[in-house]
N, C-alpha and C. Protein backbone atom coordinates (compact mmCIF):
# COMPACT_ATOMS: atom_id res chain seq x y z
N MET A 1 0.85 -1.19 0.00
CA MET A 1 0.00 0.00 0.00
C MET A 1 0.88 1.24 0.00
N GLY A 2 0.42 2.21 -0.73
CA GLY A 2 1.15 3.47 -0.77
C GLY A 2 0.84 4.34 0.44
N PRO A 3 1.59 5.42 0.60
CA PRO A 3 1.37 6.29 1.77
C PRO A 3 -0.01 6.96 1.77
N VAL A 4 -0.55 7.27 0.61
CA VAL A 4 -1.88 7.90 0.56
C VAL A 4 -2.95 6.91 1.00
N ALA A 5 -2.83 5.67 0.59
CA ALA A 5 -3.79 4.65 0.99
C ALA A 5 -3.71 4.39 2.50
N LEU A 6 -2.50 4.35 3.05
CA LEU A 6 -2.35 4.16 4.49
C LEU A 6 -2.94 5.33 5.27
N LEU A 7 -2.71 6.54 4.80
CA LEU A 7 -3.27 7.72 5.46
C LEU A 7 -4.79 7.70 5.38
N THR A 8 -5.34 7.25 4.27
CA THR A 8 -6.80 7.14 4.13
C THR A 8 -7.37 6.14 5.13
N VAL A 9 -6.70 5.02 5.32
CA VAL A 9 -7.15 4.02 6.28
C VAL A 9 -7.13 4.60 7.70
N VAL A 10 -6.09 5.33 8.05
CA VAL A 10 -5.99 5.93 9.38
C VAL A 10 -7.11 6.94 9.60
N VAL A 11 -7.36 7.80 8.62
CA VAL A 11 -8.41 8.82 8.75
C VAL A 11 -9.77 8.16 8.89
N LEU A 12 -10.05 7.14 8.08
CA LEU A 12 -11.33 6.44 8.20
C LEU A 12 -11.46 5.74 9.55
N ALA A 13 -10.37 5.16 10.05
CA ALA A 13 -10.41 4.50 11.36
C ALA A 13 -10.69 5.50 12.47
N VAL A 14 -10.14 6.70 12.36
CA VAL A 14 -10.41 7.75 13.36
C VAL A 14 -11.88 8.12 13.35
N PHE A 15 -12.45 8.33 12.18
CA PHE A 15 -13.87 8.70 12.10
C PHE A 15 -14.78 7.58 12.60
N VAL A 16 -14.50 6.35 12.22
CA VAL A 16 -15.32 5.23 12.68
C VAL A 16 -15.19 5.06 14.20
N GLY A 17 -13.99 5.17 14.73
CA GLY A 17 -13.79 5.06 16.17
C GLY A 17 -14.51 6.16 16.93
N PHE A 18 -14.46 7.38 16.41
CA PHE A 18 -15.17 8.48 17.07
C PHE A 18 -16.67 8.25 17.07
N GLU A 19 -17.21 7.79 15.98
CA GLU A 19 -18.65 7.54 15.90
C GLU A 19 -19.08 6.42 16.84
N VAL A 20 -18.28 5.37 16.92
CA VAL A 20 -18.63 4.24 17.79
C VAL A 20 -18.57 4.66 19.26
N VAL A 21 -17.51 5.34 19.67
CA VAL A 21 -17.34 5.72 21.07
C VAL A 21 -18.35 6.78 21.47
N SER A 22 -18.71 7.68 20.58
CA SER A 22 -19.66 8.74 20.94
C SER A 22 -21.07 8.20 21.15
N LYS A 23 -21.37 7.03 20.64
CA LYS A 23 -22.70 6.44 20.80
C LYS A 23 -22.83 5.59 22.07
N VAL A 24 -21.75 5.41 22.81
CA VAL A 24 -21.76 4.58 24.02
C VAL A 24 -22.41 5.36 25.15
N THR A 25 -23.31 4.71 25.89
CA THR A 25 -23.95 5.36 27.03
C THR A 25 -22.95 5.52 28.17
N SER A 26 -23.27 6.40 29.11
CA SER A 26 -22.33 6.70 30.19
C SER A 26 -22.10 5.50 31.10
N LYS A 27 -23.06 4.60 31.20
CA LYS A 27 -22.88 3.42 32.06
C LYS A 27 -21.88 2.44 31.48
N LEU A 28 -21.63 2.52 30.19
CA LEU A 28 -20.72 1.57 29.55
C LEU A 28 -19.33 2.14 29.31
N HIS A 29 -19.06 3.36 29.78
CA HIS A 29 -17.74 3.93 29.55
C HIS A 29 -16.64 3.20 30.32
N THR A 30 -16.93 2.75 31.55
CA THR A 30 -15.92 2.04 32.33
C THR A 30 -15.54 0.71 31.68
N PRO A 31 -16.50 -0.13 31.26
CA PRO A 31 -16.09 -1.35 30.54
C PRO A 31 -15.37 -1.05 29.23
N LEU A 32 -15.75 0.03 28.57
CA LEU A 32 -15.07 0.41 27.34
C LEU A 32 -13.61 0.77 27.63
N MET A 33 -13.38 1.48 28.74
CA MET A 33 -12.01 1.82 29.11
C MET A 33 -11.21 0.56 29.46
N SER A 34 -11.85 -0.41 30.11
CA SER A 34 -11.15 -1.65 30.44
C SER A 34 -10.75 -2.40 29.18
N GLY A 35 -11.64 -2.44 28.21
CA GLY A 35 -11.31 -3.07 26.93
C GLY A 35 -10.19 -2.35 26.21
N ALA A 36 -10.21 -1.03 26.27
CA ALA A 36 -9.14 -0.25 25.64
C ALA A 36 -7.81 -0.50 26.34
N ASN A 37 -7.84 -0.64 27.67
CA ASN A 37 -6.60 -0.94 28.40
C ASN A 37 -6.03 -2.29 27.99
N ALA A 38 -6.89 -3.26 27.74
CA ALA A 38 -6.42 -4.57 27.29
C ALA A 38 -5.74 -4.46 25.92
N ILE A 39 -6.33 -3.68 25.04
CA ILE A 39 -5.74 -3.48 23.71
C ILE A 39 -4.41 -2.74 23.83
N HIS A 40 -4.34 -1.75 24.73
CA HIS A 40 -3.09 -1.02 24.91
C HIS A 40 -2.00 -1.92 25.47
N GLY A 41 -2.38 -2.89 26.30
CA GLY A 41 -1.40 -3.86 26.79
C GLY A 41 -0.84 -4.71 25.68
N ILE A 42 -1.69 -5.10 24.73
CA ILE A 42 -1.23 -5.88 23.57
C ILE A 42 -0.28 -5.04 22.71
N ILE A 43 -0.61 -3.75 22.56
CA ILE A 43 0.26 -2.86 21.79
C ILE A 43 1.62 -2.73 22.46
N LEU A 44 1.63 -2.64 23.79
CA LEU A 44 2.90 -2.55 24.52
C LEU A 44 3.73 -3.81 24.31
N VAL A 45 3.11 -4.97 24.36
CA VAL A 45 3.84 -6.22 24.12
C VAL A 45 4.42 -6.25 22.71
N GLY A 46 3.63 -5.80 21.73
CA GLY A 46 4.13 -5.74 20.35
C GLY A 46 5.31 -4.79 20.20
N ALA A 47 5.25 -3.65 20.88
CA ALA A 47 6.37 -2.70 20.81
C ALA A 47 7.62 -3.28 21.45
N ILE A 48 7.46 -4.04 22.53
CA ILE A 48 8.61 -4.67 23.17
C ILE A 48 9.22 -5.73 22.25
N ILE A 49 8.37 -6.49 21.57
CA ILE A 49 8.87 -7.52 20.64
C ILE A 49 9.64 -6.88 19.49
N VAL A 50 9.09 -5.79 18.94
CA VAL A 50 9.79 -5.11 17.84
C VAL A 50 11.12 -4.54 18.32
N ALA A 51 11.13 -3.96 19.53
CA ALA A 51 12.38 -3.41 20.07
C ALA A 51 13.42 -4.51 20.29
N GLY A 52 12.97 -5.69 20.68
CA GLY A 52 13.91 -6.79 20.91
C GLY A 52 14.50 -7.36 19.63
N GLN A 53 13.80 -7.22 18.51
CA GLN A 53 14.27 -7.78 17.25
C GLN A 53 14.85 -6.74 16.31
N ALA A 54 14.99 -5.50 16.77
CA ALA A 54 15.48 -4.42 15.90
C ALA A 54 16.97 -4.59 15.64
N SER A 55 17.34 -4.47 14.36
CA SER A 55 18.76 -4.56 14.00
C SER A 55 19.32 -3.20 13.61
N ASP A 56 18.48 -2.32 13.13
CA ASP A 56 18.89 -0.98 12.73
C ASP A 56 18.73 -0.04 13.93
N PRO A 57 19.68 0.86 14.18
CA PRO A 57 19.55 1.78 15.32
C PRO A 57 18.31 2.69 15.23
N TRP A 58 17.92 3.06 14.02
CA TRP A 58 16.72 3.89 13.87
C TRP A 58 15.46 3.13 14.27
N VAL A 59 15.40 1.88 13.86
CA VAL A 59 14.24 1.05 14.22
C VAL A 59 14.21 0.84 15.73
N LEU A 60 15.37 0.63 16.33
CA LEU A 60 15.44 0.46 17.78
C LEU A 60 14.98 1.73 18.50
N GLY A 61 15.41 2.88 18.01
CA GLY A 61 15.00 4.15 18.63
C GLY A 61 13.50 4.37 18.55
N ILE A 62 12.93 4.11 17.38
CA ILE A 62 11.48 4.28 17.22
C ILE A 62 10.73 3.25 18.05
N ALA A 63 11.25 2.02 18.12
CA ALA A 63 10.60 0.98 18.91
C ALA A 63 10.65 1.31 20.40
N LEU A 64 11.77 1.84 20.87
CA LEU A 64 11.84 2.24 22.28
C LEU A 64 10.91 3.41 22.58
N LEU A 65 10.79 4.33 21.63
CA LEU A 65 9.82 5.42 21.79
C LEU A 65 8.40 4.86 21.84
N ALA A 66 8.14 3.85 21.02
CA ALA A 66 6.81 3.21 21.04
C ALA A 66 6.56 2.52 22.37
N VAL A 67 7.58 1.90 22.95
CA VAL A 67 7.42 1.26 24.26
C VAL A 67 7.10 2.31 25.32
N VAL A 68 7.82 3.42 25.30
CA VAL A 68 7.57 4.48 26.30
C VAL A 68 6.17 5.05 26.14
N LEU A 69 5.78 5.37 24.91
CA LEU A 69 4.45 5.95 24.69
C LEU A 69 3.34 4.96 25.01
N ALA A 70 3.54 3.69 24.68
CA ALA A 70 2.52 2.68 25.00
C ALA A 70 2.40 2.49 26.50
N THR A 71 3.52 2.58 27.22
CA THR A 71 3.48 2.47 28.67
C THR A 71 2.73 3.64 29.29
N VAL A 72 3.02 4.84 28.82
CA VAL A 72 2.31 6.03 29.31
C VAL A 72 0.82 5.91 29.01
N ASN A 73 0.48 5.45 27.84
CA ASN A 73 -0.92 5.29 27.45
C ASN A 73 -1.62 4.25 28.33
N LEU A 74 -0.96 3.15 28.60
CA LEU A 74 -1.54 2.09 29.42
C LEU A 74 -1.73 2.55 30.87
N VAL A 75 -0.72 3.17 31.44
CA VAL A 75 -0.82 3.66 32.83
C VAL A 75 -1.89 4.74 32.93
N GLY A 76 -1.91 5.65 31.96
CA GLY A 76 -2.94 6.69 31.97
C GLY A 76 -4.34 6.12 31.86
N GLY A 77 -4.51 5.07 31.09
CA GLY A 77 -5.82 4.43 30.99
C GLY A 77 -6.26 3.83 32.30
N PHE A 78 -5.32 3.21 33.02
CA PHE A 78 -5.67 2.65 34.32
C PHE A 78 -6.00 3.75 35.33
N VAL A 79 -5.29 4.87 35.27
CA VAL A 79 -5.58 5.98 36.18
C VAL A 79 -6.97 6.54 35.92
N VAL A 80 -7.31 6.73 34.66
CA VAL A 80 -8.63 7.25 34.32
C VAL A 80 -9.72 6.26 34.72
N THR A 81 -9.50 4.98 34.48
CA THR A 81 -10.48 3.97 34.87
C THR A 81 -10.66 3.94 36.38
N ASP A 82 -9.57 4.07 37.13
CA ASP A 82 -9.66 4.09 38.59
C ASP A 82 -10.46 5.30 39.06
N ARG A 83 -10.25 6.45 38.46
CA ARG A 83 -11.02 7.64 38.83
C ARG A 83 -12.49 7.47 38.52
N MET A 84 -12.79 6.85 37.39
CA MET A 84 -14.19 6.61 37.04
C MET A 84 -14.84 5.66 38.03
N LEU A 85 -14.13 4.62 38.43
CA LEU A 85 -14.69 3.67 39.40
C LEU A 85 -14.87 4.32 40.76
N GLU A 86 -13.96 5.21 41.17
CA GLU A 86 -14.13 5.94 42.42
C GLU A 86 -15.35 6.84 42.35
N MET A 87 -15.58 7.44 41.20
CA MET A 87 -16.73 8.32 41.04
C MET A 87 -18.03 7.54 41.21
N PHE A 88 -18.10 6.35 40.63
CA PHE A 88 -19.30 5.54 40.78
C PHE A 88 -19.39 4.94 42.17
N GLY A 89 -18.26 4.63 42.79
CA GLY A 89 -18.25 4.05 44.12
C GLY A 89 -18.67 5.03 45.20
N ALA A 90 -18.46 6.33 45.00
CA ALA A 90 -18.83 7.33 46.01
C ALA A 90 -20.33 7.36 46.21
N HIS A 91 -21.09 7.17 45.14
CA HIS A 91 -22.55 7.16 45.27
C HIS A 91 -23.02 5.94 46.05
N LYS A 92 -22.38 4.82 45.86
CA LYS A 92 -22.78 3.60 46.56
C LYS A 92 -22.47 3.72 48.05
N ARG A 93 -21.31 4.30 48.39
CA ARG A 93 -20.95 4.44 49.79
C ARG A 93 -21.84 5.44 50.50
N ALA A 94 -22.31 6.46 49.82
CA ALA A 94 -23.16 7.47 50.44
C ALA A 94 -24.53 6.91 50.77
N ARG A 95 -24.98 5.90 50.06
CA ARG A 95 -26.31 5.33 50.27
C ARG A 95 -26.35 4.29 51.38
N THR A 96 -25.21 3.79 51.82
CA THR A 96 -25.22 2.74 52.83
C THR A 96 -25.63 3.33 54.17
N PRO A 97 -26.46 2.62 54.94
CA PRO A 97 -26.89 3.14 56.23
C PRO A 97 -25.75 3.12 57.24
N ALA A 98 -25.87 3.97 58.25
CA ALA A 98 -24.86 4.03 59.30
C ALA A 98 -24.90 2.73 60.10
N PRO A 99 -23.76 2.29 60.60
CA PRO A 99 -23.73 1.06 61.38
C PRO A 99 -24.54 1.21 62.67
N THR A 100 -25.22 0.14 63.07
CA THR A 100 -26.02 0.17 64.29
C THR A 100 -25.20 -0.36 65.45
N GLY A 101 -25.67 -0.07 66.66
CA GLY A 101 -25.00 -0.58 67.84
C GLY A 101 -23.93 0.34 68.38
N THR A 102 -23.83 1.56 67.90
CA THR A 102 -22.83 2.48 68.42
C THR A 102 -23.45 3.31 69.52
N ALA A 103 -22.67 3.65 70.52
CA ALA A 103 -23.17 4.45 71.64
C ALA A 103 -23.14 5.92 71.27
N THR A 104 -24.30 6.57 71.32
CA THR A 104 -24.39 8.00 71.06
C THR A 104 -25.10 8.65 72.23
N ALA A 105 -25.24 9.95 72.20
CA ALA A 105 -25.90 10.68 73.28
C ALA A 105 -27.34 10.20 73.40
N GLY A 106 -27.77 9.88 74.61
CA GLY A 106 -29.14 9.45 74.84
C GLY A 106 -29.33 7.96 74.83
N THR A 107 -28.27 7.20 74.61
CA THR A 107 -28.39 5.75 74.64
C THR A 107 -27.70 5.23 75.88
N ALA A 108 -27.93 3.99 76.19
CA ALA A 108 -27.33 3.41 77.39
C ALA A 108 -25.84 3.26 77.20
N THR A 109 -25.09 3.78 78.16
CA THR A 109 -23.64 3.66 78.14
C THR A 109 -23.19 3.10 79.47
N ALA A 110 -21.90 2.98 79.64
CA ALA A 110 -21.37 2.42 80.89
C ALA A 110 -21.73 3.29 82.09
N GLY A 111 -21.98 4.58 81.89
CA GLY A 111 -22.32 5.48 82.99
C GLY A 111 -23.77 5.41 83.40
N GLY A 112 -24.59 4.64 82.73
CA GLY A 112 -25.99 4.48 83.09
C GLY A 112 -26.83 5.70 82.79
N THR A 113 -26.70 6.29 81.60
CA THR A 113 -27.44 7.49 81.27
C THR A 113 -28.61 7.20 80.36
N ALA A 114 -29.19 6.04 80.42
CA ALA A 114 -30.33 5.71 79.56
C ALA A 114 -31.49 6.62 79.88
N GLY A 115 -32.06 7.22 78.87
CA GLY A 115 -33.23 8.08 79.04
C GLY A 115 -32.91 9.42 79.64
N ALA A 116 -31.66 9.83 79.66
CA ALA A 116 -31.30 11.11 80.25
C ALA A 116 -31.67 12.27 79.35
N GLY A 117 -31.99 12.03 78.12
CA GLY A 117 -32.35 13.10 77.20
C GLY A 117 -31.12 13.73 76.58
N HIS A 118 -31.34 14.57 75.60
CA HIS A 118 -30.26 15.26 74.93
C HIS A 118 -30.11 16.64 75.54
N PRO A 119 -28.90 17.11 75.74
CA PRO A 119 -28.72 18.43 76.32
C PRO A 119 -29.31 19.51 75.42
N GLY A 120 -30.08 20.38 75.99
CA GLY A 120 -30.60 21.52 75.26
C GLY A 120 -31.88 21.27 74.51
N ASP A 121 -32.43 20.04 74.52
CA ASP A 121 -33.67 19.82 73.77
C ASP A 121 -34.89 19.84 74.67
N GLY A 122 -34.70 20.05 75.97
CA GLY A 122 -35.82 20.19 76.88
C GLY A 122 -36.38 18.88 77.38
N SER A 123 -35.82 17.77 76.98
CA SER A 123 -36.35 16.49 77.45
C SER A 123 -35.68 16.13 78.76
N ALA A 124 -36.47 15.63 79.68
CA ALA A 124 -35.94 15.28 80.99
C ALA A 124 -35.64 13.81 81.10
N GLY A 125 -35.90 13.07 80.10
CA GLY A 125 -35.62 11.65 80.14
C GLY A 125 -36.78 10.90 80.74
N GLY A 126 -36.48 9.85 81.46
CA GLY A 126 -37.50 9.05 82.09
C GLY A 126 -38.11 8.03 81.16
N GLY A 127 -37.59 7.84 79.99
CA GLY A 127 -38.15 6.88 79.05
C GLY A 127 -37.05 6.04 78.45
N VAL A 128 -37.42 5.32 77.43
CA VAL A 128 -36.47 4.49 76.72
C VAL A 128 -35.61 5.39 75.85
N ALA A 129 -34.34 5.07 75.76
CA ALA A 129 -33.43 5.89 74.96
C ALA A 129 -33.89 5.95 73.52
N GLY A 130 -33.93 7.14 72.95
CA GLY A 130 -34.33 7.33 71.57
C GLY A 130 -35.82 7.41 71.38
N GLU A 131 -36.62 7.27 72.43
CA GLU A 131 -38.08 7.33 72.31
C GLU A 131 -38.52 8.78 72.28
N GLY A 132 -39.28 9.16 71.29
CA GLY A 132 -39.74 10.54 71.18
C GLY A 132 -40.94 10.82 72.05
N ARG A 133 -41.20 12.06 72.38
CA ARG A 133 -42.37 12.45 73.18
C ARG A 133 -43.43 13.03 72.31
């Protein structure tokens, strides 16, 4: 293939990739990133293989540059995926109820203050802890 044909293939691949990724819903972006990270790992392995078999210094230089760029791309993909997972995980953690069985003001503690009421709310106690009037 000539250089014009190769450039045409690259341009078409960019347009097709943009159209496919832009149609993905927000819930599927994290799995899409995971799939992209897997592909970037394969690219990194290929760059390492080419660098190991390079006989010309120019090919070795370009292959080592490809290894560095593929490594940066792979690590960056994992960082972005981790941030996306943290973003989705924050909503799940906020919805979980508080743990039960902890001693708070107005509950029975070692000092025997069951039903003592909360300071400043006007309750004098005399009932079960947490019972409203």
